[in-house]
Amino acid sequence: MSTRRQLLALSAGAAAAGVLPGSPAQAHPKRWIASWAAVPTTIPPTPPLVLENQTVRHVVHLSSGGDQVRIRLTNEFGDAPLRIGEVHVARRSGSGAGTDAVTGTDHRVTFGGRSSVTGPAGAPIVSDPVGLRVGGGTDLVISVYLPARTPVTTLAAFAFQDNVIAAGNVTGARMVTATSTIQQYLFLSGVSVHASGGAIVTLGDSITNGANTVANANHRWPDLLSARLDHRLGVANVGVSGNRLLHDPNPPAGSPAVGYAAYFGHSALRRFDRDVVAQPGAEFLVVLLGVNDLGHPGTSAPLDEVVSADDLIWGHRQLIARAHLAGLRAYGATVLPFKDDTLGFYSVENERKRAALNRWIRTSGEYDGVIDFDAAVRDPGDPLRLRAAYDSGDHLHPNDAGMAAMAAAVPLRLFRI
């Protein structure tokens, strides 16, 4: 059996055990639904990548399908207007790291009727509907041509997917010749589809973002959850590696973290309206946050940003309140164990705080439901550690099998509309 089939079989285990009592998405009028997302961040204080007369071809893995698509570009961290020369979208041919388009599926994308558009500094750019029918689990190639000198100041830094840069305007080409390969999404932050149903938004850090999973395989736990749902609902993954619930990146002066901490993104409380509430068709929120709030002070953040368990609980309560105001059902996920991690997060005191937060998530009743990721991946012989079979090697991030175990631990009954 292939690795992918093994992972999907593992993630389907809970369904076989009777967790899935019926279709999770009942009849619903068609509307725009988030099918893929990437969280934009700013860049560290180093010279940015600069593109000119070049095309960036991105590969995105949709969760749900529909009869039309819309593309969201972003200049939200730019300090100058962003000039887009042309954008095309097509279904992808093949899998893995391939970037070829399926013949006959290419469509030019327009924005308010324009194929070339300039987005203001600090603003997103949303496309017109594109008449491209896509199925759930489809891969798209989205090609963005940048004609003028363009510093890349807005990007999602951790794609775990190979995207390519090519010379000239080759947005409509079936095949492109890559001049470089990147694992980032540049100026691209969302794809929505026109369909019935709704969307799940997964708010988290590197574990939700997919850190340490095999690149180009779509083995992030939200991807595997989407497969368990038979792609009936959209899943917008708004996990950001390094993200914290309560604090923005704040690397100590002179530390190595100055060179990368900006990629960790604004705190979940700060980015919530843009990354969660604004997702088209959002119905459900899953929150997995807290480990970086515990581990960053003293490593990539100053010690005066140490938080208590009560601080973390307060932050989660804010997320719940804001989700409910937006009409979302909010589900809390327990924080995974990380004893003896290689990043320096673990301490007896941080474990005490993790245990207190998880106890509150499980027992307070304040979330609309609980997803017990901790129980799904911990070592039965030492519950403070990740199970060896699920450990990517740093004792903090699950591997692909661990991601499948997490997806299998999600009760599908939570997502009935």
Protein backbone atom coordinates (compact mmCIF):
# COMPACT_ATOMS: atom_id res chain seq x y z
CA MET A 1 0.00 0.00 0.00
CA SER A 2 1.35 3.48 -0.86
CA THR A 3 2.31 5.91 1.91
CA ARG A 4 -0.56 8.22 0.93
CA ARG A 5 -3.09 5.37 1.08
CA GLN A 6 -1.75 4.30 4.47
CA LEU A 7 -2.16 7.82 5.81
CA LEU A 8 -5.66 8.19 4.45
CA ALA A 9 -6.61 4.78 5.81
CA LEU A 10 -5.38 5.79 9.25
CA SER A 11 -7.21 9.11 9.14
CA ALA A 12 -10.39 7.28 8.08
CA GLY A 13 -10.29 5.00 11.09
CA ALA A 14 -12.60 7.11 13.23
CA ALA A 15 -15.22 7.08 10.49
CA ALA A 16 -15.12 3.30 10.47
CA ALA A 17 -15.64 3.41 14.22
CA GLY A 18 -18.91 5.26 13.77
CA VAL A 19 -17.83 8.89 14.25
CA LEU A 20 -19.42 9.83 10.94
CA PRO A 21 -23.18 9.39 11.39
CA GLY A 22 -24.08 10.93 8.06
CA SER A 23 -23.13 13.60 5.60
CA PRO A 24 -21.46 16.52 7.42
CA ALA A 25 -22.87 19.06 4.97
CA GLN A 26 -26.61 19.22 4.50
CA ALA A 27 -28.28 21.00 1.58
CA HIS A 28 -27.29 24.65 1.51
CA PRO A 29 -27.72 27.36 -1.13
CA LYS A 30 -24.64 27.94 -3.25
CA ARG A 31 -22.33 30.70 -2.07
CA TRP A 32 -18.62 31.50 -1.97
CA ILE A 33 -16.69 29.13 0.30
CA ALA A 34 -13.03 29.24 1.28
CA SER A 35 -11.33 26.20 -0.25
CA TRP A 36 -7.66 27.08 0.30
CA ALA A 37 -5.81 29.71 2.28
CA ALA A 38 -2.30 30.88 3.11
CA VAL A 39 -1.60 33.50 5.78
CA PRO A 40 0.35 36.53 4.55
CA THR A 41 3.13 37.94 6.72
CA THR A 42 5.75 40.62 6.42
CA ILE A 43 9.44 39.85 5.93
CA PRO A 44 12.50 40.12 8.22
CA PRO A 45 14.68 43.26 8.08
CA THR A 46 16.87 41.86 5.31
CA PRO A 47 16.89 42.64 1.56
CA PRO A 48 13.75 41.16 -0.01
CA LEU A 49 13.47 38.95 -3.04
CA VAL A 50 12.94 41.24 -6.05
CA LEU A 51 11.07 40.09 -9.16
CA GLU A 52 10.82 41.86 -12.53
CA ASN A 53 9.37 40.56 -15.80
CA GLN A 54 8.86 37.19 -14.12
CA THR A 55 6.01 34.78 -13.48
CA VAL A 56 5.41 32.97 -10.20
CA ARG A 57 3.51 29.71 -10.66
CA HIS A 58 1.91 28.48 -7.45
CA VAL A 59 0.40 25.07 -6.75
CA VAL A 60 -2.59 25.04 -4.40
CA HIS A 61 -4.50 22.02 -3.10
CA LEU A 62 -8.22 22.74 -2.84
CA SER A 63 -10.38 21.22 -0.14
CA SER A 64 -13.91 21.59 -1.56
CA GLY A 65 -14.91 21.93 -5.17
CA GLY A 66 -17.36 24.14 -7.02
CA ASP A 67 -18.53 25.45 -10.38
CA GLN A 68 -16.48 28.67 -10.22
CA VAL A 69 -13.40 29.92 -8.40
CA ARG A 70 -12.12 33.26 -7.12
CA ILE A 71 -8.52 34.19 -6.33
CA ARG A 72 -7.35 36.45 -3.48
CA LEU A 73 -4.05 38.24 -3.95
CA THR A 74 -2.59 40.43 -1.24
CA ASN A 75 -0.40 43.49 -0.79
CA GLU A 76 -1.24 43.77 2.88
CA PHE A 77 2.36 44.20 4.04
CA GLY A 78 3.50 46.27 1.07
CA ASP A 79 4.39 49.93 1.50
CA ALA A 80 3.93 50.70 -2.22
CA PRO A 81 1.30 49.75 -4.82
CA LEU A 82 1.55 46.23 -6.23
CA ARG A 83 1.37 45.99 -10.02
CA ILE A 84 0.02 42.69 -11.34
CA GLY A 85 0.48 42.27 -15.08
CA GLU A 86 -1.60 39.13 -15.62
CA VAL A 87 -2.93 36.14 -13.69
CA HIS A 88 -4.02 32.75 -15.00
CA VAL A 89 -5.51 29.72 -13.25
CA ALA A 90 -5.76 26.13 -14.47
CA ARG A 91 -6.16 22.65 -13.10
CA ARG A 92 -2.79 21.05 -12.41
CA SER A 93 -1.59 18.01 -14.33
CA GLY A 94 0.13 15.39 -12.23
CA SER A 95 1.09 15.60 -8.58
CA GLY A 96 4.04 16.13 -6.26
CA ALA A 97 6.27 19.00 -7.37
CA GLY A 98 4.82 19.23 -10.90
CA THR A 99 3.56 22.60 -12.15
CA ASP A 100 2.11 21.71 -15.58
CA ALA A 101 -1.44 22.75 -16.41
CA VAL A 102 -4.12 20.43 -17.76
CA THR A 103 -4.66 21.24 -21.43
CA GLY A 104 -7.88 23.13 -22.07
CA THR A 105 -8.40 24.30 -18.46
CA ASP A 106 -6.44 27.57 -18.51
CA HIS A 107 -8.40 30.75 -17.71
CA ARG A 108 -7.28 34.36 -17.54
CA VAL A 109 -8.26 35.94 -14.23
CA THR A 110 -9.71 39.45 -14.11
CA PHE A 111 -10.14 41.90 -11.25
CA GLY A 112 -13.10 44.22 -11.64
CA GLY A 113 -12.96 43.50 -15.37
CA ARG A 114 -9.23 44.22 -15.66
CA SER A 115 -6.60 41.63 -16.50
CA SER A 116 -3.84 43.98 -15.33
CA VAL A 117 -4.37 45.64 -11.96
CA THR A 118 -2.54 47.69 -9.36
CA GLY A 119 -3.36 46.99 -5.73
CA PRO A 120 -2.90 49.73 -3.12
CA ALA A 121 -0.36 49.32 -0.36
CA GLY A 122 -1.87 47.42 2.56
CA ALA A 123 -4.82 45.98 0.64
CA PRO A 124 -5.93 42.63 -0.79
CA ILE A 125 -7.11 42.19 -4.38
CA VAL A 126 -10.04 39.83 -5.02
CA SER A 127 -10.72 38.49 -8.50
CA ASP A 128 -13.90 38.24 -10.49
CA PRO A 129 -15.50 34.78 -10.63
CA VAL A 130 -13.68 32.41 -12.99
CA GLY A 131 -15.78 29.81 -14.81
CA LEU A 132 -13.56 26.87 -13.97
CA ARG A 133 -15.30 23.81 -12.53
CA VAL A 134 -13.17 22.00 -9.93
CA GLY A 135 -13.69 18.92 -7.81
CA GLY A 136 -12.85 18.54 -4.15
CA GLY A 137 -9.19 17.73 -3.67
CA THR A 138 -8.25 19.30 -7.01
CA ASP A 139 -4.85 20.95 -7.44
CA LEU A 140 -4.66 24.29 -9.26
CA VAL A 141 -1.76 26.18 -10.77
CA ILE A 142 -2.09 29.93 -10.26
CA SER A 143 0.38 31.99 -12.25
CA VAL A 144 1.07 35.64 -11.39
CA TYR A 145 3.08 37.87 -13.75
CA LEU A 146 5.01 40.79 -12.23
CA PRO A 147 6.10 43.13 -15.05
CA ALA A 148 7.79 45.88 -13.03
CA ARG A 149 10.49 45.73 -10.36
CA THR A 150 8.63 44.23 -7.38
CA PRO A 151 10.12 43.66 -3.92
CA VAL A 152 8.36 40.68 -2.32
CA THR A 153 7.19 42.13 0.97
CA THR A 154 4.04 40.06 1.48
CA LEU A 155 4.24 36.27 1.45
CA ALA A 156 3.44 33.03 3.23
CA ALA A 157 6.90 31.72 4.05
CA PHE A 158 6.19 28.04 4.80
CA ALA A 159 4.30 26.42 1.93
CA PHE A 160 5.61 22.82 2.10
CA GLN A 161 4.89 22.85 -1.62
CA ASP A 162 7.29 23.56 -4.48
CA ASN A 163 6.33 26.67 -6.44
CA VAL A 164 8.40 28.06 -9.30
CA ILE A 165 9.59 31.34 -10.78
CA ALA A 166 9.99 31.63 -14.56
CA ALA A 167 11.23 34.34 -16.90
CA GLY A 168 8.77 36.59 -18.74
CA ASN A 169 5.01 36.38 -18.92
CA VAL A 170 4.24 32.66 -19.14
CA THR A 171 1.02 32.78 -17.14
CA GLY A 172 -0.96 31.01 -19.88
CA ALA A 173 1.64 28.37 -20.74
CA ARG A 174 0.89 24.72 -20.11
CA MET A 175 4.50 24.14 -19.04
CA VAL A 176 7.00 26.64 -17.68
CA THR A 177 10.78 26.48 -17.38
CA ALA A 178 11.69 27.27 -13.80
CA THR A 179 14.57 29.61 -13.09
CA SER A 180 14.18 28.94 -9.36
CA THR A 181 12.02 26.92 -6.99
CA ILE A 182 10.59 28.29 -3.74
CA GLN A 183 8.50 26.87 -0.91
CA GLN A 184 6.59 30.09 -0.37
CA TYR A 185 3.38 31.70 -1.63
CA LEU A 186 4.08 35.17 -3.00
CA PHE A 187 1.21 37.69 -2.94
CA LEU A 188 -1.34 34.81 -2.95
CA SER A 189 -3.54 34.17 0.07
CA GLY A 190 -6.80 32.49 -0.88
CA VAL A 191 -9.01 30.56 -3.27
CA SER A 192 -12.75 30.30 -2.81
CA VAL A 193 -15.24 28.20 -4.74
CA HIS A 194 -18.90 28.66 -5.58
CA ALA A 195 -20.68 25.73 -3.99
CA SER A 196 -23.13 24.63 -1.34
CA GLY A 197 -21.95 23.95 2.20
CA GLY A 198 -19.57 25.96 4.33
CA ALA A 199 -15.99 26.22 5.51
CA ILE A 200 -13.89 25.15 8.48
CA VAL A 201 -11.11 27.54 9.48
CA THR A 202 -8.14 25.95 11.26
CA LEU A 203 -6.31 28.59 13.32
CA GLY A 204 -2.93 27.51 14.56
CA ASP A 205 0.85 27.48 14.38
CA SER A 206 3.44 25.30 12.63
CA ILE A 207 1.66 22.07 13.55
CA THR A 208 -1.42 23.25 11.65
CA ASN A 209 0.69 24.85 8.92
CA GLY A 210 2.27 21.43 8.24
CA ALA A 211 5.81 21.76 9.56
CA ASN A 212 8.08 18.73 9.09
CA THR A 213 5.65 16.87 6.85
CA VAL A 214 6.81 15.60 3.47
CA ALA A 215 6.77 18.47 0.96
CA ASN A 216 4.38 18.32 -2.00
CA ALA A 217 2.29 15.57 -0.36
CA ASN A 218 -0.53 17.53 1.35
CA HIS A 219 -0.19 15.61 4.59
CA ARG A 220 -1.03 18.50 6.89
CA TRP A 221 -3.73 17.44 9.35
CA PRO A 222 -6.29 19.90 7.83
CA ASP A 223 -5.68 18.32 4.39
CA LEU A 224 -6.28 14.86 5.81
CA LEU A 225 -9.37 16.10 7.66
CA SER A 226 -10.70 17.43 4.36
CA ALA A 227 -10.21 13.98 2.82
CA ARG A 228 -12.07 12.36 5.74
CA LEU A 229 -14.94 14.75 5.06
CA ASP A 230 -14.94 13.63 1.39
CA HIS A 231 -14.24 17.29 0.53
CA ARG A 232 -17.84 18.22 1.34
CA LEU A 233 -16.73 21.31 3.27
CA GLY A 234 -14.06 23.88 2.60
CA VAL A 235 -11.04 23.85 4.90
CA ALA A 236 -9.09 27.11 5.15
CA ASN A 237 -5.76 26.39 6.83
CA VAL A 238 -4.64 29.61 8.54
CA GLY A 239 -1.83 28.05 10.55
CA VAL A 240 1.43 30.01 10.61
CA SER A 241 4.73 28.50 11.71
CA GLY A 242 5.89 30.19 14.90
CA ASN A 243 2.55 31.88 15.53
CA ARG A 244 1.51 32.87 19.03
CA LEU A 245 -1.89 33.52 20.54
CA LEU A 246 -0.96 36.63 22.53
CA HIS A 247 2.17 38.24 21.06
CA ASP A 248 3.51 39.41 17.72
CA PRO A 249 7.07 38.44 16.74
CA ASN A 250 9.57 40.30 18.91
CA PRO A 251 13.05 38.78 18.50
CA PRO A 252 15.69 40.03 20.93
CA ALA A 253 18.16 42.40 19.25
CA GLY A 254 21.18 40.54 17.96
CA SER A 255 19.61 37.08 18.20
CA PRO A 256 19.38 34.75 15.16
CA ALA A 257 15.58 35.08 15.37
CA VAL A 258 15.84 38.60 13.92
CA GLY A 259 16.45 36.90 10.58
CA TYR A 260 13.23 34.87 10.57
CA ALA A 261 10.75 35.84 13.32
CA ALA A 262 8.75 38.17 11.08
CA TYR A 263 7.52 35.08 9.23
CA PHE A 264 5.71 33.99 12.41
CA GLY A 265 2.92 36.47 11.68
CA HIS A 266 0.79 38.68 13.84
CA SER A 267 -0.67 37.17 16.99
CA ALA A 268 -3.85 35.15 16.55
CA LEU A 269 -5.78 37.82 18.41
CA ARG A 270 -4.50 40.49 16.04
CA ARG A 271 -5.03 38.58 12.78
CA PHE A 272 -8.33 36.96 13.73
CA ASP A 273 -10.68 39.21 11.75
CA ARG A 274 -8.62 39.00 8.54
CA ASP A 275 -7.65 35.33 8.69
CA VAL A 276 -10.76 33.79 10.25
CA VAL A 277 -13.85 36.02 10.13
CA ALA A 278 -13.20 37.18 6.56
CA GLN A 279 -12.97 33.63 5.13
CA PRO A 280 -15.90 33.17 2.73
CA GLY A 281 -18.58 30.83 4.00
CA ALA A 282 -16.87 30.25 7.36
CA GLU A 283 -19.06 28.19 9.71
CA PHE A 284 -16.57 26.50 12.06
CA LEU A 285 -13.34 27.41 13.82
CA VAL A 286 -10.74 24.97 15.17
CA VAL A 287 -8.10 26.50 17.46
CA LEU A 288 -4.75 24.84 18.20
CA LEU A 289 -2.56 27.48 19.84
CA GLY A 290 -0.39 27.99 22.89
CA VAL A 291 2.83 26.03 22.51
CA ASN A 292 4.78 28.96 21.04
CA ASP A 293 3.48 31.30 23.73
CA LEU A 294 5.08 28.89 26.20
CA GLY A 295 8.27 28.16 24.27
CA HIS A 296 9.30 31.40 22.58
CA PRO A 297 10.17 33.55 25.63
CA GLY A 298 13.85 32.91 26.20
CA THR A 299 14.37 31.38 22.74
CA SER A 300 13.04 33.66 19.97
CA ALA A 301 11.24 36.21 22.16
CA PRO A 302 12.23 38.17 25.29
CA LEU A 303 11.71 36.72 28.75
CA ASP A 304 9.32 39.53 29.69
CA GLU A 305 6.79 37.88 27.34
CA VAL A 306 6.44 34.79 29.56
CA VAL A 307 2.75 33.94 29.90
CA SER A 308 0.74 32.12 32.54
CA ALA A 309 -1.90 29.48 32.00
CA ASP A 310 -4.48 32.10 32.96
CA ASP A 311 -3.12 34.40 30.23
CA LEU A 312 -3.56 31.66 27.64
CA ILE A 313 -7.07 30.84 28.85
CA TRP A 314 -7.95 34.54 28.59
CA GLY A 315 -6.71 34.58 24.99
CA HIS A 316 -8.77 31.51 24.11
CA ARG A 317 -11.82 33.10 25.69
CA GLN A 318 -11.33 36.12 23.44
CA LEU A 319 -11.22 33.87 20.37
CA ILE A 320 -14.41 32.13 21.48
CA ALA A 321 -16.21 35.43 22.06
CA ARG A 322 -15.17 36.85 18.70
CA ALA A 323 -16.04 33.64 16.88
CA HIS A 324 -19.50 33.58 18.40
CA LEU A 325 -20.08 37.23 17.49
CA ALA A 326 -19.27 36.26 13.89
CA GLY A 327 -21.70 33.32 14.02
CA LEU A 328 -19.00 30.62 14.06
CA ARG A 329 -18.98 27.45 16.13
CA ALA A 330 -15.63 27.32 17.92
CA TYR A 331 -13.80 24.10 18.80
CA GLY A 332 -10.77 23.97 21.07
CA ALA A 333 -7.92 21.54 20.41
CA THR A 334 -5.62 20.40 23.18
CA VAL A 335 -1.92 21.32 22.94
CA LEU A 336 0.39 18.45 22.01
CA PRO A 337 3.11 17.18 24.40
CA PHE A 338 6.69 18.36 23.83
CA LYS A 339 8.90 16.92 26.55
CA ASP A 340 12.63 17.05 25.68
CA ASP A 341 11.99 18.94 22.43
CA THR A 342 15.07 20.10 20.54
CA LEU A 343 13.94 23.73 20.34
CA GLY A 344 14.27 24.41 24.06
CA PHE A 345 10.55 24.83 24.74
CA TYR A 346 10.16 22.21 27.45
CA SER A 347 10.42 22.90 31.16
CA VAL A 348 8.58 21.57 34.17
CA GLU A 349 6.84 24.93 34.49
CA ASN A 350 5.80 25.03 30.83
CA GLU A 351 4.41 21.51 31.18
CA ARG A 352 2.40 22.63 34.19
CA LYS A 353 0.92 25.47 32.12
CA ARG A 354 0.18 23.18 29.18
CA ALA A 355 -1.63 20.76 31.47
CA ALA A 356 -3.69 23.58 32.99
CA LEU A 357 -4.66 24.93 29.57
CA ASN A 358 -5.60 21.48 28.29
CA ARG A 359 -7.65 20.77 31.40
CA TRP A 360 -9.57 24.00 30.83
CA ILE A 361 -10.14 23.20 27.13
CA ARG A 362 -11.45 19.73 28.00
CA THR A 363 -13.63 20.59 31.01
CA SER A 364 -14.72 24.23 30.98
CA GLY A 365 -17.46 23.81 28.40
CA GLU A 366 -16.62 27.23 26.95
CA TYR A 367 -15.68 25.92 23.53
CA ASP A 368 -18.55 24.44 21.52
CA GLY A 369 -16.62 21.19 21.27
CA VAL A 370 -13.24 19.65 22.05
CA ILE A 371 -10.70 17.93 19.78
CA ASP A 372 -8.21 16.02 21.91
CA PHE A 373 -5.04 16.05 19.83
CA ASP A 374 -2.95 15.57 22.97
CA ALA A 375 -4.59 12.21 23.68
CA ALA A 376 -4.25 11.18 20.03
CA VAL A 377 -0.48 11.58 19.72
CA ARG A 378 1.05 11.23 23.20
CA ASP A 379 3.22 8.31 24.20
CA PRO A 380 1.19 5.90 26.40
CA GLY A 381 4.35 5.11 28.38
CA ASP A 382 5.22 8.79 28.95
CA PRO A 383 2.24 11.06 28.23
CA LEU A 384 4.44 14.16 28.32
CA ARG A 385 6.15 13.03 25.09
CA LEU A 386 5.04 12.55 21.53
CA ARG A 387 4.59 8.89 20.61
CA ALA A 388 7.78 7.81 18.79
CA ALA A 389 5.86 6.65 15.72
CA TYR A 390 4.38 10.14 15.37
CA ASP A 391 7.54 12.16 16.10
CA SER A 392 9.22 14.04 13.25
CA GLY A 393 12.44 14.01 15.23
CA ASP A 394 12.31 17.26 17.19
CA HIS A 395 9.85 15.88 19.79
CA LEU A 396 7.52 18.82 19.09
CA HIS A 397 6.16 18.47 15.55
CA PRO A 398 4.29 15.34 14.41
CA ASN A 399 5.44 13.54 11.28
CA ASP A 400 3.08 12.51 8.48
CA ALA A 401 1.71 9.57 10.47
CA GLY A 402 1.18 11.89 13.44
CA MET A 403 -0.74 14.29 11.23
CA ALA A 404 -2.97 11.41 10.13
CA ALA A 405 -3.58 10.46 13.76
CA MET A 406 -4.58 14.05 14.48
CA ALA A 407 -7.01 14.11 11.56
CA ALA A 408 -8.48 10.79 12.72
CA ALA A 409 -9.06 12.27 16.20
CA VAL A 410 -11.41 14.96 14.92
CA PRO A 411 -15.08 14.02 15.51
CA LEU A 412 -16.76 14.61 12.15
CA ARG A 413 -20.11 15.13 13.87
CA LEU A 414 -18.84 18.60 14.85
CA PHE A 415 -19.19 19.79 11.26
CA ARG A 416 -22.85 19.38 10.47
CA ILE A 417 -24.57 22.40 8.94
